[in-house]
Amino acid sequence: MYNEHTKQAKEKGGIAMFRNEFLQIVWEKGRVDVPELARLLNTTEDLIEAEADVCAAHGWIRMLDSLIMATPLTHTGR
């Protein structure tokens, strides 16, 4: 499953670029739900959830069910 998500992210222009866009949107909005973020990034909810797991593990965001919230570290994660 993760390999497929990684492949999709690379096709989108690279994992780092995708992560930067992901974190920028979360930072600007403060909080965003998974379906909306998937729509804004033109990708799947599964990919958003996989990326959210990675970012949450670094403390860059917080997850509450399908809500992604910025933290003080969100801006520095990019």
N, C-alpha and C. Protein backbone atom coordinates (compact mmCIF):
# COMPACT_ATOMS: atom_id res chain seq x y z
N MET A 1 0.82 -1.19 0.00
CA MET A 1 0.00 0.00 0.00
C MET A 1 0.87 1.26 0.00
N TYR A 2 1.86 1.32 0.89
CA TYR A 2 2.70 2.51 0.94
C TYR A 2 3.47 2.70 -0.36
N ASN A 3 3.93 1.61 -0.97
CA ASN A 3 4.66 1.72 -2.22
C ASN A 3 3.80 2.37 -3.31
N GLU A 4 2.52 2.02 -3.36
CA GLU A 4 1.62 2.64 -4.33
C GLU A 4 1.46 4.13 -4.04
N HIS A 5 1.34 4.50 -2.76
CA HIS A 5 1.22 5.91 -2.40
C HIS A 5 2.50 6.66 -2.75
N THR A 6 3.65 6.03 -2.49
CA THR A 6 4.92 6.65 -2.82
C THR A 6 5.02 6.87 -4.33
N LYS A 7 4.61 5.88 -5.10
CA LYS A 7 4.62 5.99 -6.56
C LYS A 7 3.74 7.15 -7.02
N GLN A 8 2.55 7.27 -6.43
CA GLN A 8 1.64 8.36 -6.82
C GLN A 8 2.25 9.71 -6.48
N ALA A 9 2.89 9.81 -5.33
CA ALA A 9 3.51 11.07 -4.93
C ALA A 9 4.65 11.44 -5.86
N LYS A 10 5.46 10.46 -6.25
CA LYS A 10 6.57 10.72 -7.17
C LYS A 10 6.04 11.18 -8.52
N GLU A 11 4.95 10.57 -8.98
CA GLU A 11 4.36 10.97 -10.25
C GLU A 11 3.82 12.39 -10.17
N LYS A 12 3.43 12.82 -9.00
CA LYS A 12 2.89 14.16 -8.82
C LYS A 12 3.99 15.22 -8.85
N GLY A 13 5.22 14.83 -8.81
CA GLY A 13 6.30 15.81 -8.89
C GLY A 13 7.32 15.64 -7.79
N GLY A 14 7.27 14.57 -7.08
CA GLY A 14 8.25 14.30 -6.04
C GLY A 14 7.64 14.36 -4.66
N ILE A 15 8.16 13.52 -3.80
CA ILE A 15 7.64 13.44 -2.44
C ILE A 15 7.86 14.75 -1.70
N ALA A 16 9.04 15.35 -1.84
CA ALA A 16 9.32 16.60 -1.13
C ALA A 16 8.38 17.71 -1.59
N MET A 17 8.14 17.81 -2.88
CA MET A 17 7.25 18.84 -3.39
C MET A 17 5.83 18.61 -2.89
N PHE A 18 5.39 17.35 -2.91
CA PHE A 18 4.06 17.02 -2.42
C PHE A 18 3.93 17.37 -0.95
N ARG A 19 4.95 17.01 -0.16
CA ARG A 19 4.92 17.30 1.28
C ARG A 19 4.88 18.80 1.52
N ASN A 20 5.65 19.56 0.76
CA ASN A 20 5.64 21.01 0.91
C ASN A 20 4.26 21.59 0.64
N GLU A 21 3.63 21.14 -0.43
CA GLU A 21 2.28 21.62 -0.75
C GLU A 21 1.29 21.22 0.35
N PHE A 22 1.40 19.99 0.80
CA PHE A 22 0.54 19.45 1.86
C PHE A 22 0.65 20.33 3.10
N LEU A 23 1.90 20.55 3.57
CA LEU A 23 2.11 21.32 4.79
C LEU A 23 1.76 22.79 4.61
N GLN A 24 1.99 23.34 3.44
CA GLN A 24 1.63 24.74 3.19
C GLN A 24 0.13 24.96 3.33
N ILE A 25 -0.65 24.07 2.76
CA ILE A 25 -2.11 24.19 2.85
C ILE A 25 -2.57 24.05 4.30
N VAL A 26 -2.03 23.07 5.00
CA VAL A 26 -2.40 22.88 6.41
C VAL A 26 -2.02 24.12 7.22
N TRP A 27 -0.84 24.67 6.98
CA TRP A 27 -0.38 25.86 7.69
C TRP A 27 -1.31 27.04 7.42
N GLU A 28 -1.66 27.26 6.16
CA GLU A 28 -2.51 28.40 5.80
C GLU A 28 -3.92 28.27 6.36
N LYS A 29 -4.47 27.06 6.35
CA LYS A 29 -5.85 26.87 6.80
C LYS A 29 -5.94 26.67 8.31
N GLY A 30 -4.89 26.16 8.93
CA GLY A 30 -4.93 25.88 10.36
C GLY A 30 -5.49 24.51 10.65
N ARG A 31 -6.55 24.17 9.96
CA ARG A 31 -7.12 22.82 10.04
C ARG A 31 -7.91 22.56 8.77
N VAL A 32 -7.85 21.32 8.33
CA VAL A 32 -8.51 20.94 7.08
C VAL A 32 -8.86 19.47 7.17
N ASP A 33 -9.99 19.09 6.60
CA ASP A 33 -10.33 17.66 6.65
C ASP A 33 -9.71 16.94 5.45
N VAL A 34 -9.56 15.64 5.60
CA VAL A 34 -8.88 14.81 4.60
C VAL A 34 -9.52 14.94 3.22
N PRO A 35 -10.85 14.83 3.09
CA PRO A 35 -11.44 14.94 1.74
C PRO A 35 -11.15 16.29 1.06
N GLU A 36 -11.22 17.37 1.83
CA GLU A 36 -10.95 18.69 1.24
C GLU A 36 -9.49 18.80 0.80
N LEU A 37 -8.57 18.31 1.63
CA LEU A 37 -7.15 18.37 1.28
C LEU A 37 -6.86 17.51 0.06
N ALA A 38 -7.50 16.36 -0.03
CA ALA A 38 -7.33 15.50 -1.20
C ALA A 38 -7.81 16.22 -2.46
N ARG A 39 -8.92 16.93 -2.34
CA ARG A 39 -9.44 17.68 -3.48
C ARG A 39 -8.49 18.81 -3.86
N LEU A 40 -8.00 19.54 -2.88
CA LEU A 40 -7.09 20.66 -3.16
C LEU A 40 -5.78 20.21 -3.80
N LEU A 41 -5.32 19.02 -3.42
CA LEU A 41 -4.06 18.50 -3.96
C LEU A 41 -4.28 17.56 -5.13
N ASN A 42 -5.53 17.40 -5.53
CA ASN A 42 -5.88 16.55 -6.67
C ASN A 42 -5.29 15.14 -6.52
N THR A 43 -5.58 14.52 -5.38
CA THR A 43 -5.08 13.19 -5.10
C THR A 43 -6.13 12.41 -4.31
N THR A 44 -5.76 11.23 -3.85
CA THR A 44 -6.71 10.38 -3.13
C THR A 44 -6.65 10.65 -1.63
N GLU A 45 -7.73 10.31 -0.97
CA GLU A 45 -7.76 10.42 0.48
C GLU A 45 -6.76 9.46 1.12
N ASP A 46 -6.55 8.30 0.50
CA ASP A 46 -5.57 7.35 1.02
C ASP A 46 -4.17 7.94 1.03
N LEU A 47 -3.81 8.65 -0.03
CA LEU A 47 -2.49 9.26 -0.07
C LEU A 47 -2.37 10.37 0.97
N ILE A 48 -3.41 11.14 1.15
CA ILE A 48 -3.42 12.20 2.16
C ILE A 48 -3.24 11.59 3.55
N GLU A 49 -3.97 10.51 3.83
CA GLU A 49 -3.86 9.86 5.14
C GLU A 49 -2.46 9.28 5.36
N ALA A 50 -1.86 8.71 4.32
CA ALA A 50 -0.50 8.16 4.45
C ALA A 50 0.50 9.28 4.73
N GLU A 51 0.37 10.38 4.02
CA GLU A 51 1.27 11.52 4.24
C GLU A 51 1.03 12.14 5.61
N ALA A 52 -0.22 12.20 6.03
CA ALA A 52 -0.55 12.73 7.35
C ALA A 52 0.09 11.89 8.45
N ASP A 53 0.10 10.59 8.28
CA ASP A 53 0.74 9.71 9.27
C ASP A 53 2.23 10.02 9.40
N VAL A 54 2.90 10.21 8.27
CA VAL A 54 4.33 10.54 8.28
C VAL A 54 4.56 11.89 8.95
N CYS A 55 3.78 12.88 8.56
CA CYS A 55 3.94 14.23 9.11
C CYS A 55 3.60 14.28 10.60
N ALA A 56 2.59 13.54 11.00
CA ALA A 56 2.22 13.49 12.42
C ALA A 56 3.32 12.84 13.25
N ALA A 57 3.97 11.84 12.69
CA ALA A 57 5.07 11.17 13.40
C ALA A 57 6.23 12.14 13.67
N HIS A 58 6.40 13.14 12.81
CA HIS A 58 7.44 14.15 13.00
C HIS A 58 6.96 15.33 13.85
N GLY A 59 5.68 15.36 14.19
CA GLY A 59 5.13 16.45 14.98
C GLY A 59 4.74 17.66 14.16
N TRP A 60 4.78 17.53 12.83
CA TRP A 60 4.47 18.67 11.97
C TRP A 60 2.98 18.97 11.93
N ILE A 61 2.14 17.97 12.17
CA ILE A 61 0.68 18.15 12.19
C ILE A 61 0.12 17.29 13.31
N ARG A 62 -1.17 17.46 13.58
CA ARG A 62 -1.91 16.56 14.47
C ARG A 62 -3.10 16.05 13.70
N MET A 63 -3.48 14.82 13.99
CA MET A 63 -4.64 14.20 13.35
C MET A 63 -5.69 13.91 14.40
N LEU A 64 -6.93 14.19 14.07
CA LEU A 64 -8.06 13.82 14.90
C LEU A 64 -9.12 13.30 13.94
N ASP A 65 -9.25 11.99 13.90
CA ASP A 65 -10.12 11.32 12.93
C ASP A 65 -9.72 11.78 11.52
N SER A 66 -10.60 12.47 10.82
CA SER A 66 -10.26 12.90 9.45
C SER A 66 -9.88 14.38 9.40
N LEU A 67 -9.61 14.97 10.56
CA LEU A 67 -9.23 16.38 10.62
C LEU A 67 -7.72 16.50 10.81
N ILE A 68 -7.08 17.27 9.96
CA ILE A 68 -5.65 17.53 10.05
C ILE A 68 -5.48 18.94 10.57
N MET A 69 -4.67 19.09 11.63
CA MET A 69 -4.49 20.39 12.26
C MET A 69 -3.02 20.79 12.26
N ALA A 70 -2.77 22.07 12.04
CA ALA A 70 -1.41 22.60 12.08
C ALA A 70 -0.91 22.60 13.52
N THR A 71 0.40 22.52 13.66
CA THR A 71 1.07 22.67 14.95
C THR A 71 2.11 23.78 14.78
N PRO A 72 2.74 24.21 15.86
CA PRO A 72 3.82 25.20 15.69
C PRO A 72 4.95 24.71 14.78
N LEU A 73 5.08 23.40 14.62
CA LEU A 73 6.14 22.84 13.78
C LEU A 73 5.72 22.68 12.32
N THR A 74 4.46 22.92 11.99
CA THR A 74 3.99 22.71 10.62
C THR A 74 4.81 23.51 9.62
N HIS A 75 5.05 24.76 9.93
CA HIS A 75 5.77 25.64 9.01
C HIS A 75 7.24 25.23 8.88
N THR A 76 7.83 24.69 9.94
CA THR A 76 9.24 24.30 9.89
C THR A 76 9.44 22.96 9.21
N GLY A 77 8.37 22.16 9.07
CA GLY A 77 8.49 20.85 8.43
C GLY A 77 8.72 20.92 6.94
N ARG A 78 8.50 22.09 6.37
CA ARG A 78 8.66 22.24 4.93
C ARG A 78 10.09 22.55 4.63
